[in-house]
């Protein structure tokens, strides 16, 4: 079983998130599907593409993986959509302090928090971030730790 965020991509300059559909061998592009519009398109290697599993958020100690932050939001908000209307900066501030109190106030900008809220809501709407996926991911992590010991 693949980790549920492994094929979910953020593409610089493109709104929303994308699901990786295919990666052509030797070619310099990938085919993705927008989780917002469900339209497919090629993305070339010159684009700045990030896999959500590789994203982290600055904190005052070790950086927090996006995955752990998303799961924390899921638990605190019972898998519900958060801040669905256009949130104020105060609302965003309260939100991030509630889910990640140790975030680095100097390096995490309002635009980053807006993106976090937007991504979380997209993952909930598309049923990618679910209790089942979180539980399976946790089981995999436990199994990996047993193998390493």
Protein backbone atom coordinates (compact mmCIF):
# COMPACT_ATOMS: atom_id res chain seq x y z
CA UNK A 1 0.00 0.00 0.00
CA UNK A 2 1.33 3.42 -0.96
CA UNK A 3 1.29 6.27 1.48
CA UNK A 4 -1.75 8.38 0.68
CA UNK A 5 0.16 11.63 0.02
CA UNK A 6 2.82 10.09 -2.21
CA UNK A 7 1.06 10.85 -5.52
CA UNK A 8 -0.41 14.21 -4.49
CA UNK A 9 1.50 17.16 -5.95
CA UNK A 10 1.71 20.90 -5.58
CA UNK A 11 2.81 22.70 -8.74
CA UNK A 12 4.21 26.19 -8.42
CA UNK A 13 2.04 28.72 -10.25
CA UNK A 14 -0.96 26.37 -10.40
CA UNK A 15 -3.91 26.59 -7.99
CA UNK A 16 -4.86 23.61 -5.84
CA UNK A 17 -3.39 20.14 -5.75
CA UNK A 18 -2.83 17.48 -8.39
CA UNK A 19 -2.83 13.72 -8.51
CA UNK A 20 0.03 12.07 -10.39
CA UNK A 21 -1.47 10.00 -13.21
CA UNK A 22 1.61 8.85 -15.11
CA UNK A 23 5.33 9.42 -15.29
CA UNK A 24 6.73 8.63 -18.73
CA UNK A 25 10.10 6.84 -18.77
CA UNK A 26 12.79 9.01 -20.30
CA UNK A 27 10.35 11.83 -21.01
CA UNK A 28 10.63 15.18 -19.34
CA UNK A 29 7.00 15.46 -18.31
CA UNK A 30 4.33 13.88 -16.15
CA UNK A 31 0.56 13.73 -16.54
CA UNK A 32 -1.43 15.09 -13.61
CA UNK A 33 -5.10 15.51 -12.77
CA UNK A 34 -6.34 18.58 -10.93
CA UNK A 35 -8.19 17.70 -7.72
CA UNK A 36 -10.23 20.89 -8.23
CA UNK A 37 -11.31 20.60 -11.88
CA UNK A 38 -10.59 16.88 -12.55
CA UNK A 39 -8.88 17.94 -15.81
CA UNK A 40 -5.68 16.21 -16.88
CA UNK A 41 -2.65 18.01 -18.22
CA UNK A 42 1.06 17.49 -18.87
CA UNK A 43 3.54 19.13 -16.52
CA UNK A 44 7.09 19.56 -17.73
CA UNK A 45 10.25 19.03 -15.72
CA UNK A 46 10.94 22.76 -15.75
CA UNK A 47 7.93 23.27 -13.42
CA UNK A 48 8.55 23.40 -9.68
CA UNK A 49 6.72 20.26 -8.46
CA UNK A 50 6.53 19.17 -4.81
CA UNK A 51 5.13 15.91 -3.50
CA UNK A 52 3.08 16.57 -0.36
CA UNK A 53 4.92 13.82 1.50
CA UNK A 54 8.12 15.89 1.11
CA UNK A 55 6.67 19.18 2.39
CA UNK A 56 7.30 20.34 5.94
CA UNK A 57 6.40 23.36 8.06
CA UNK A 58 8.95 25.41 9.97
CA UNK A 59 8.71 25.15 13.75
CA UNK A 60 10.85 26.51 16.56
CA UNK A 61 12.51 23.07 16.91
CA UNK A 62 12.50 20.33 14.24
CA UNK A 63 10.36 21.03 11.18
CA UNK A 64 6.96 19.30 11.21
CA UNK A 65 6.01 17.12 8.26
CA UNK A 66 2.96 18.32 6.37
CA UNK A 67 1.52 14.83 6.79
CA UNK A 68 1.65 15.03 10.61
CA UNK A 69 0.13 18.54 10.58
CA UNK A 70 -2.70 17.43 8.26
CA UNK A 71 -3.40 14.44 10.50
CA UNK A 72 -3.42 16.73 13.55
CA UNK A 73 -5.97 19.01 11.83
CA UNK A 74 -8.04 15.93 10.90
CA UNK A 75 -8.12 14.79 14.54
CA UNK A 76 -8.87 18.23 16.02
CA UNK A 77 -11.64 19.00 13.51
CA UNK A 78 -13.06 15.46 13.18
CA UNK A 79 -12.32 15.30 9.46
CA UNK A 80 -14.49 18.34 8.72
CA UNK A 81 -13.78 21.21 6.32
CA UNK A 82 -12.04 24.09 8.16
CA UNK A 83 -12.31 27.86 7.70
CA UNK A 84 -14.36 27.48 4.53
CA UNK A 85 -15.27 31.16 4.09
CA UNK A 86 -12.48 33.63 3.32
CA UNK A 87 -10.75 33.58 6.71
CA UNK A 88 -9.26 36.71 8.21
CA UNK A 89 -5.60 36.81 9.16
CA UNK A 90 -6.70 36.58 12.81
CA UNK A 91 -8.69 33.41 12.08
CA UNK A 92 -5.69 31.91 10.28
CA UNK A 93 -3.42 32.85 13.18
CA UNK A 94 -5.75 31.19 15.72
CA UNK A 95 -6.06 28.14 13.50
CA UNK A 96 -2.31 27.50 13.13
CA UNK A 97 -1.70 28.15 16.84
CA UNK A 98 -4.37 25.57 17.62
CA UNK A 99 -2.94 22.83 15.36
CA UNK A 100 0.79 23.64 15.47
CA UNK A 101 1.55 25.90 18.45
CA UNK A 102 5.32 25.63 17.93
CA UNK A 103 5.24 26.92 14.31
CA UNK A 104 7.95 29.46 13.49
CA UNK A 105 6.16 32.82 13.43
CA UNK A 106 9.06 34.43 11.53
CA UNK A 107 9.25 31.91 8.66
CA UNK A 108 5.64 30.72 8.27
CA UNK A 109 3.69 33.41 6.41
CA UNK A 110 -0.07 34.01 6.19
CA UNK A 111 0.06 32.77 2.59
CA UNK A 112 1.54 29.46 3.86
CA UNK A 113 -1.26 29.08 6.41
CA UNK A 114 -3.89 29.85 3.73
CA UNK A 115 -2.29 27.20 1.51
CA UNK A 116 -2.34 24.69 4.39
CA UNK A 117 -6.06 25.31 4.98
CA UNK A 118 -6.78 25.12 1.23
CA UNK A 119 -4.81 21.88 0.80
CA UNK A 120 -6.44 20.30 3.85
CA UNK A 121 -9.92 21.14 2.54
CA UNK A 122 -9.08 19.78 -0.95
CA UNK A 123 -7.79 16.51 0.58
CA UNK A 124 -10.95 16.18 2.71
CA UNK A 125 -13.28 16.99 -0.21
CA UNK A 126 -11.54 14.43 -2.44
CA UNK A 127 -11.55 11.80 0.35
CA UNK A 128 -7.76 11.45 0.25
CA UNK A 129 -7.32 12.40 3.88
CA UNK A 130 -9.55 9.86 5.64
CA UNK A 131 -9.50 8.01 8.94
CA UNK A 132 -8.82 4.76 7.05
CA UNK A 133 -5.82 6.24 5.16
CA UNK A 134 -4.38 7.69 8.36
CA UNK A 135 -4.76 4.38 10.21
CA UNK A 136 -3.17 2.41 7.33
CA UNK A 137 -0.29 4.88 7.19
CA UNK A 138 0.25 4.53 10.94
CA UNK A 139 0.27 0.70 10.65
CA UNK A 140 2.87 0.94 7.88
CA UNK A 141 5.05 3.19 10.02
CA UNK A 142 4.85 0.72 12.93
CA UNK A 143 5.78 -2.14 10.58
CA UNK A 144 8.74 -0.17 9.18
CA UNK A 145 9.98 0.51 12.71
CA UNK A 146 9.76 -3.20 13.60
CA UNK A 147 11.80 -4.09 10.50
CA UNK A 148 14.47 -1.52 11.41
CA UNK A 149 14.89 -2.94 14.94
